[in-house]
C-alpha atoms as a PDB file:
ATOM      1  CA  MET A   1     -13.444   7.310   2.875  1.00  0.00           C
ATOM      2  CA  VAL A   2     -12.412   4.557   5.262  1.00  0.00           C
ATOM      3  CA  ILE A   3     -14.470   1.650   6.549  1.00  0.00           C
ATOM      4  CA  ILE A   4     -14.589   1.060  10.307  1.00  0.00           C
ATOM      5  CA  GLY A   5     -15.574  -2.493  11.242  1.00  0.00           C
ATOM      6  CA  PRO A   6     -14.238  -6.042  11.435  1.00  0.00           C
ATOM      7  CA  VAL A   7     -11.775  -6.705   8.627  1.00  0.00           C
ATOM      8  CA  ASN A   8     -12.695  -9.943   6.882  1.00  0.00           C
ATOM      9  CA  LEU A   9     -10.240 -11.488   4.450  1.00  0.00           C
ATOM     10  CA  PRO A  10     -11.655 -11.652   0.925  1.00  0.00           C
ATOM     11  CA  GLU A  11     -12.038 -14.993  -0.808  1.00  0.00           C
ATOM     12  CA  VAL A  12     -10.395 -13.632  -3.951  1.00  0.00           C
ATOM     13  CA  GLY A  13      -7.989 -10.802  -4.648  1.00  0.00           C
ATOM     14  CA  LEU A  14      -5.910 -11.131  -1.470  1.00  0.00           C
ATOM     15  CA  SER A  15      -2.297 -10.137  -2.162  1.00  0.00           C
ATOM     16  CA  TYR A  16      -0.810 -10.178   1.337  1.00  0.00           C
ATOM     17  CA  THR A  17      -1.700 -10.847   4.951  1.00  0.00           C
ATOM     18  CA  GLY A  18       0.496 -10.859   8.028  1.00  0.00           C
ATOM     19  CA  GLY A  19       0.313 -10.337  11.779  1.00  0.00           C
ATOM     20  CA  ASN A  20       2.307  -8.329  14.312  1.00  0.00           C
ATOM     21  CA  VAL A  21       2.001  -5.069  12.377  1.00  0.00           C
ATOM     22  CA  GLN A  22       1.711  -1.795  14.265  1.00  0.00           C
ATOM     23  CA  LEU A  23      -0.430   1.007  12.834  1.00  0.00           C
ATOM     24  CA  LYS A  24       0.584   4.580  13.580  1.00  0.00           C
ATOM     25  CA  ILE A  25      -1.761   7.415  12.618  1.00  0.00           C
ATOM     26  CA  GLY A  26      -0.339  10.895  12.990  1.00  0.00           C
ATOM     27  CA  GLU A  27       1.557  10.894  16.276  1.00  0.00           C
ATOM     28  CA  LYS A  28      -0.449   8.031  17.818  1.00  0.00           C
ATOM     29  CA  ILE A  29       0.370   4.327  17.689  1.00  0.00           C
ATOM     30  CA  ILE A  30      -3.025   2.638  17.550  1.00  0.00           C
ATOM     31  CA  GLY A  31      -1.738  -0.825  18.417  1.00  0.00           C
ATOM     32  CA  THR A  32      -0.623  -4.116  16.907  1.00  0.00           C
ATOM     33  CA  GLY A  33      -2.746  -6.120  14.530  1.00  0.00           C
ATOM     34  CA  THR A  34      -3.080  -8.087  11.316  1.00  0.00           C
ATOM     35  CA  LEU A  35      -2.486  -6.390   7.983  1.00  0.00           C
ATOM     36  CA  SER A  36      -4.324  -7.481   4.862  1.00  0.00           C
ATOM     37  CA  ILE A  37      -3.759  -6.123   1.370  1.00  0.00           C
ATOM     38  CA  SER A  38      -6.359  -6.932  -1.243  1.00  0.00           C
ATOM     39  CA  GLN A  39      -7.285  -5.602  -4.648  1.00  0.00           C
ATOM     40  CA  SER A  40     -10.079  -3.529  -3.095  1.00  0.00           C
ATOM     41  CA  ALA A  41      -8.529  -2.108   0.075  1.00  0.00           C
ATOM     42  CA  LEU A  42      -5.784  -2.118   2.675  1.00  0.00           C
ATOM     43  CA  GLY A  43      -7.144  -3.508   5.937  1.00  0.00           C
ATOM     44  CA  TRP A  44      -5.787  -3.561   9.483  1.00  0.00           C
ATOM     45  CA  GLN A  45      -7.477  -5.563  12.250  1.00  0.00           C
ATOM     46  CA  PRO A  46      -6.156  -4.700  15.743  1.00  0.00           C
ATOM     47  CA  ASP A  47      -5.574  -7.534  18.176  1.00  0.00           C
ATOM     48  CA  HIS A  48      -7.269  -5.664  21.043  1.00  0.00           C
ATOM     49  CA  LEU A  49     -10.372  -4.320  19.291  1.00  0.00           C
ATOM     50  CA  GLU A  50     -13.404  -5.809  17.593  1.00  0.00           C
ATOM     51  CA  ASP A  51     -13.412  -3.210  14.839  1.00  0.00           C
ATOM     52  CA  GLY A  52     -10.596  -2.685  12.404  1.00  0.00           C
ATOM     53  CA  ILE A  53     -10.086  -0.176   9.632  1.00  0.00           C
ATOM     54  CA  SER A  54      -9.995  -0.504   5.851  1.00  0.00           C
ATOM     55  CA  PHE A  55      -8.513   2.117   3.531  1.00  0.00           C
ATOM     56  CA  LEU A  56      -9.825   2.221  -0.023  1.00  0.00           C
ATOM     57  CA  TRP A  57      -7.010   2.590  -2.531  1.00  0.00           C
ATOM     58  CA  LYS A  58      -8.299   5.812  -4.059  1.00  0.00           C
ATOM     59  CA  GLN A  59      -7.931   7.506  -0.655  1.00  0.00           C
ATOM     60  CA  ILE A  60      -4.224   6.660  -0.410  1.00  0.00           C
ATOM     61  CA  SER A  61      -2.481   9.430  -2.330  1.00  0.00           C
ATOM     62  CA  VAL A  62       1.109   8.220  -1.860  1.00  0.00           C
ATOM     63  CA  HIS A  63       2.953   5.374  -0.180  1.00  0.00           C
ATOM     64  CA  GLY A  64       6.587   4.455   0.258  1.00  0.00           C
ATOM     65  CA  ILE A  65       9.254   2.849   2.430  1.00  0.00           C
ATOM     66  CA  SER A  66      10.303   4.962   5.421  1.00  0.00           C
ATOM     67  CA  SER A  67      13.462   4.890   7.507  1.00  0.00           C
ATOM     68  CA  THR A  68      12.590   7.877   9.718  1.00  0.00           C
ATOM     69  CA  THR A  69      11.039   5.707  12.433  1.00  0.00           C
ATOM     70  CA  PRO A  70      13.215   3.503  14.663  1.00  0.00           C
ATOM     71  CA  ALA A  71      12.682   0.643  12.214  1.00  0.00           C
ATOM     72  CA  LYS A  72      12.120   0.287   8.487  1.00  0.00           C
ATOM     73  CA  CYS A  73       8.408   0.540   7.753  1.00  0.00           C
ATOM     74  CA  ILE A  74       5.691   1.577   5.297  1.00  0.00           C
ATOM     75  CA  TYR A  75       4.558   5.196   5.059  1.00  0.00           C
ATOM     76  CA  PHE A  76       1.320   6.237   3.393  1.00  0.00           C
ATOM     77  CA  MET A  77      -0.720   9.401   3.183  1.00  0.00           C
ATOM     78  CA  LEU A  78      -4.500   9.791   3.050  1.00  0.00           C
ATOM     79  CA  ASP A  79      -6.032  12.623   1.055  1.00  0.00           C
ATOM     80  CA  HIS A  80      -8.300  13.673   3.941  1.00  0.00           C
ATOM     81  CA  GLN A  81      -8.304  14.166   7.696  1.00  0.00           C
ATOM     82  CA  LEU A  82      -9.042  10.767   9.225  1.00  0.00           C
ATOM     83  CA  THR A  83     -11.397  10.365  12.153  1.00  0.00           C
ATOM     84  CA  TRP A  84     -11.743   7.012  13.921  1.00  0.00           C
ATOM     85  CA  PRO A  85     -14.305   7.610  16.693  1.00  0.00           C
ATOM     86  CA  GLY A  86     -12.926   6.678  20.085  1.00  0.00           C
ATOM     87  CA  ILE A  87      -9.564   5.706  18.611  1.00  0.00           C
ATOM     88  CA  TYR A  88      -8.175   8.642  16.634  1.00  0.00           C
ATOM     89  CA  GLU A  89      -9.863  12.014  16.540  1.00  0.00           C
ATOM     90  CA  VAL A  90      -8.359  15.403  15.751  1.00  0.00           C
ATOM     91  CA  THR A  91      -9.784  17.912  18.205  1.00  0.00           C
ATOM     92  CA  ALA A  92      -7.270  20.702  17.670  1.00  0.00           C
ATOM     93  CA  ALA A  93      -6.264  22.547  14.511  1.00  0.00           C
ATOM     94  CA  SER A  94      -4.390  20.560  11.940  1.00  0.00           C
ATOM     95  CA  PRO A  95      -0.588  20.652  12.473  1.00  0.00           C
ATOM     96  CA  TYR A  96      -0.282  21.801   8.866  1.00  0.00           C
ATOM     97  CA  ILE A  97      -2.285  24.968   9.509  1.00  0.00           C
ATOM     98  CA  ASN A  98      -0.413  27.996  10.855  1.00  0.00           C
ATOM     99  CA  ILE A  99      -2.561  29.433  13.621  1.00  0.00           C
ATOM    100  CA  GLN A 100      -1.211  32.849  14.661  1.00  0.00           C
ATOM    101  CA  ASN A 101      -0.483  32.400  18.381  1.00  0.00           C
ATOM    102  CA  GLY A 102      -4.039  31.171  18.911  1.00  0.00           C
ATOM    103  CA  VAL A 103      -5.300  34.777  19.243  1.00  0.00           C
ATOM    104  CA  GLU A 104      -8.816  35.540  18.044  1.00  0.00           C
ATOM    105  CA  ASP A 105      -9.420  38.463  15.701  1.00  0.00           C
ATOM    106  CA  GLU A 106     -11.042  41.375  17.564  1.00  0.00           C
ATOM    107  CA  GLY A 107     -11.882  43.430  14.489  1.00  0.00           C
ATOM    108  CA  ASN A 108      -8.492  45.125  14.050  1.00  0.00           C
ATOM    109  CA  ALA A 109      -7.035  42.677  11.555  1.00  0.00           C
ATOM    110  CA  THR A 110      -5.044  44.079   8.661  1.00  0.00           C
ATOM    111  CA  ASP A 111      -5.643  43.123   5.038  1.00  0.00           C
ATOM    112  CA  GLU A 112      -2.589  40.872   5.238  1.00  0.00           C
ATOM    113  CA  GLU A 113      -3.995  39.053   8.263  1.00  0.00           C
ATOM    114  CA  GLU A 114      -7.348  38.634   6.515  1.00  0.00           C
ATOM    115  CA  ASN A 115      -5.591  37.135   3.500  1.00  0.00           C
ATOM    116  CA  ASP A 116      -3.710  34.782   5.822  1.00  0.00           C
ATOM    117  CA  ASP A 117      -7.030  33.678   7.328  1.00  0.00           C
ATOM    118  CA  GLU A 118      -8.296  32.786   3.864  1.00  0.00           C
ATOM    119  CA  ILE A 119      -5.164  30.732   3.235  1.00  0.00           C
ATOM    120  CA  PHE A 120      -5.634  28.892   6.527  1.00  0.00           C
ATOM    121  CA  GLN A 121      -9.248  28.106   5.639  1.00  0.00           C
ATOM    122  CA  ASP A 122      -8.178  26.716   2.276  1.00  0.00           C
ATOM    123  CA  ALA A 123      -5.546  24.565   3.974  1.00  0.00           C
ATOM    124  CA  GLU A 124      -8.084  23.257   6.462  1.00  0.00           C
ATOM    125  CA  GLU A 125     -10.302  22.097   3.627  1.00  0.00           C
ATOM    126  CA  GLU A 126      -7.433  20.065   2.159  1.00  0.00           C
ATOM    127  CA  GLN A 127      -6.126  18.348   5.269  1.00  0.00           C
ATOM    128  CA  ILE A 128      -4.268  15.081   5.027  1.00  0.00           C
ATOM    129  CA  THR A 129      -3.436  12.206   7.353  1.00  0.00           C
ATOM    130  CA  GLU A 130      -0.050  10.516   7.627  1.00  0.00           C
ATOM    131  CA  CYS A 131       0.069   6.827   8.554  1.00  0.00           C
ATOM    132  CA  TRP A 132       2.735   4.199   9.120  1.00  0.00           C
ATOM    133  CA  LEU A 133       2.654   0.394   9.057  1.00  0.00           C
ATOM    134  CA  ILE A 134       5.426  -0.975  11.262  1.00  0.00           C
ATOM    135  CA  PRO A 135       5.807  -4.763  10.962  1.00  0.00           C
ATOM    136  CA  GLU A 136       7.681  -6.647  13.653  1.00  0.00           C
ATOM    137  CA  ASP A 137       9.610  -8.429  10.894  1.00  0.00           C
ATOM    138  CA  VAL A 138      11.293  -5.669   8.874  1.00  0.00           C
ATOM    139  CA  ASN A 139      12.064  -8.202   6.147  1.00  0.00           C
ATOM    140  CA  THR A 140       8.402  -8.060   5.123  1.00  0.00           C
ATOM    141  CA  VAL A 141       8.456  -4.317   4.348  1.00  0.00           C
ATOM    142  CA  ASP A 142       9.528  -4.740   0.723  1.00  0.00           C
ATOM    143  CA  THR A 143       6.881  -7.416   0.176  1.00  0.00           C
ATOM    144  CA  ILE A 144       4.180  -5.189   1.688  1.00  0.00           C
ATOM    145  CA  PHE A 145       5.273  -2.254  -0.463  1.00  0.00           C
ATOM    146  CA  GLN A 146       5.160  -4.354  -3.624  1.00  0.00           C
ATOM    147  CA  ALA A 147       1.684  -5.672  -2.788  1.00  0.00           C
ATOM    148  CA  MET A 148       0.423  -2.142  -2.114  1.00  0.00           C
ATOM    149  CA  THR A 149       1.867  -0.875  -5.382  1.00  0.00           C
ATOM    150  CA  GLU A 150       0.294  -3.653  -7.436  1.00  0.00           C
ATOM    151  CA  CYS A 151      -3.146  -3.303  -5.824  1.00  0.00           C
ATOM    152  CA  GLN A 152      -3.227   0.479  -6.005  1.00  0.00           C
ATOM    153  CA  ALA A 153      -2.323   0.332  -9.695  1.00  0.00           C
ATOM    154  CA  LEU A 154      -5.695  -1.353 -10.243  1.00  0.00           C
ATOM    155  CA  HIS A 155      -7.419   1.865  -9.128  1.00  0.00           C
ATOM    156  CA  PRO A 156      -6.015   4.718 -11.241  1.00  0.00           C
ATOM    157  CA  ASP A 157      -7.268   8.191 -10.556  1.00  0.00           C
ATOM    158  CA  SER A 158      -9.982   9.365 -12.921  1.00  0.00           C
ATOM    159  CA  ALA A 159      -7.854  12.393 -13.813  1.00  0.00           C
ATOM    160  CA  ASP A 160      -5.316  10.092 -15.466  1.00  0.00           C
ATOM    161  CA  SER A 161      -7.541  10.130 -18.532  1.00  0.00           C
ATOM    162  CA  VAL A 162      -6.725  13.795 -19.161  1.00  0.00           C
ATOM    163  CA  SER A 163      -4.868  14.094 -22.465  1.00  0.00           C
ATOM    164  CA  GLU A 164      -1.310  15.360 -22.428  1.00  0.00           C
ATOM    165  CA  GLU A 165      -2.243  17.750 -25.248  1.00  0.00           C
ATOM    166  CA  SER A 166      -5.158  19.303 -23.359  1.00  0.00           C
ATOM    167  CA  ASP A 167      -4.777  22.384 -21.191  1.00  0.00           C
ATOM    168  CA  TYR A 168      -4.321  21.690 -17.475  1.00  0.00           C
ATOM    169  CA  MET A 169      -7.491  22.646 -15.627  1.00  0.00           C
ATOM    170  CA  ASP A 170      -8.149  23.246 -11.942  1.00  0.00           C
ATOM    171  CA  ASP A 171     -11.221  21.133 -11.265  1.00  0.00           C
ATOM    172  CA  GLU A 172     -12.714  19.316  -8.309  1.00  0.00           C
ATOM    173  CA  GLY A 173     -10.773  16.223  -9.306  1.00  0.00           C
ATOM    174  CA  LEU A 174      -7.604  18.042 -10.397  1.00  0.00           C
ATOM    175  CA  VAL A 175      -5.149  19.759  -8.088  1.00  0.00           C
ATOM    176  CA  GLU A 176      -2.660  22.401  -9.145  1.00  0.00           C
ATOM    177  CA  ALA A 177       0.980  21.602  -8.481  1.00  0.00           C
ATOM    178  CA  GLU A 178       1.496  24.357  -5.915  1.00  0.00           C
ATOM    179  CA  GLU A 179      -1.490  23.087  -3.907  1.00  0.00           C
ATOM    180  CA  LEU A 180      -0.153  19.555  -3.539  1.00  0.00           C
ATOM    181  CA  VAL A 181       0.705  18.294  -0.090  1.00  0.00           C
ATOM    182  CA  PHE A 182       4.417  18.018  -0.844  1.00  0.00           C
ATOM    183  CA  GLY A 183       4.808  21.574   0.373  1.00  0.00           C
ATOM    184  CA  GLU A 184       3.171  20.625   3.652  1.00  0.00           C
ATOM    185  CA  VAL A 185       5.044  17.424   4.433  1.00  0.00           C
ATOM    186  CA  PRO A 186       8.817  18.064   4.457  1.00  0.00           C
ATOM    187  CA  GLU A 187       9.639  14.372   4.714  1.00  0.00           C
ATOM    188  CA  ILE A 188       8.598  13.824   1.119  1.00  0.00           C
ATOM    189  CA  GLY A 189      10.699  14.836  -1.864  1.00  0.00           C
ATOM    190  CA  ALA A 190       9.699  17.266  -4.565  1.00  0.00           C
ATOM    191  CA  ALA A 191       7.190  16.443  -7.257  1.00  0.00           C
ATOM    192  CA  GLY A 192       8.147  15.779 -10.841  1.00  0.00           C
ATOM    193  CA  GLU A 193      10.163  12.619 -10.324  1.00  0.00           C
ATOM    194  CA  SER A 194       9.528   9.222 -11.902  1.00  0.00           C
ATOM    195  CA  ASP A 195       7.095   6.669 -10.460  1.00  0.00           C
ATOM    196  CA  THR A 196       9.756   5.435  -8.047  1.00  0.00           C
ATOM    197  CA  ILE A 197      11.859   8.178  -6.498  1.00  0.00           C
ATOM    198  CA  GLU A 198      14.380   8.642  -3.731  1.00  0.00           C
ATOM    199  CA  ALA A 199      12.742  11.221  -1.466  1.00  0.00           C
ATOM    200  CA  GLN A 200      14.094  13.354   1.331  1.00  0.00           C
ATOM    201  CA  GLY A 201      13.637  12.570   5.008  1.00  0.00           C
ATOM    202  CA  GLY A 202      14.017   8.806   4.697  1.00  0.00           C
ATOM    203  CA  ILE A 203      11.052   8.127   2.392  1.00  0.00           C
ATOM    204  CA  LYS A 204      12.103   6.080  -0.606  1.00  0.00           C
ATOM    205  CA  ASN A 205      10.367   4.133  -3.365  1.00  0.00           C
ATOM    206  CA  LEU A 206       7.618   6.725  -3.057  1.00  0.00           C
ATOM    207  CA  ASN A 207       4.654   5.702  -5.169  1.00  0.00           C
ATOM    208  CA  LEU A 208       2.352   8.444  -6.405  1.00  0.00           C
ATOM    209  CA  ASN A 209      -1.244   7.495  -7.031  1.00  0.00           C
ATOM    210  CA  ASP A 210      -1.633  10.277  -9.597  1.00  0.00           C
ATOM    211  CA  ASP A 211       1.751  11.066 -11.132  1.00  0.00           C
ATOM    212  CA  GLN A 212       0.273  11.963 -14.518  1.00  0.00           C
ATOM    213  CA  ARG A 213      -1.174  15.150 -13.070  1.00  0.00           C
ATOM    214  CA  PHE A 214       2.299  16.295 -12.081  1.00  0.00           C
ATOM    215  CA  ALA A 215       3.476  15.927 -15.660  1.00  0.00           C
ATOM    216  CA  ASP A 216       0.505  17.884 -16.968  1.00  0.00           C
ATOM    217  CA  ALA A 217       0.916  20.616 -14.374  1.00  0.00           C
ATOM    218  CA  ASP A 218       4.558  21.179 -15.230  1.00  0.00           C
ATOM    219  CA  GLU A 219       3.829  21.835 -18.917  1.00  0.00           C
END
């Protein structure tokens, strides 16, 4: 869940605020605005719009420092497909879903094709959104990352309470290792590393919101 509306700075719990920060969602640069990081959410107020956007920490599955863009910046991933009416809307199939040449099934599909369709439907239900924060001053990237890490740590995933001795269960709040988005996003390194890892594709200091589940899944 994200909140669309003017981003007001909180009176307490504000960890960072700074202007001249671009927000990129998917392949689209939304614009330049003011970034605010508080204990409750990450907010971005564009300079050219009345409404901004706030991301609740539980919706940010991972974040890290990226060097894949022209400049050093912050990368973060949402655990759902984001829609910002009039600003960012996905009208086509998710880029992470393999649509077979865009051809509709005319009733002659093989069992293998039918199984593939089921896989595609499952993938569509677990879509993600990639985002980047690109500050004009690259020297602020480390500070932003640290503030994000500290604030997100205040909102641990409810699945973290699962005991290490208990059997790993596939539940609505638990995701099996092979279903995690790391297989869908090649820029990010493999699971099973420590809290801070050096990942492939220029993503480093990757912070996992729910690393305990990886440990449980591997056992």
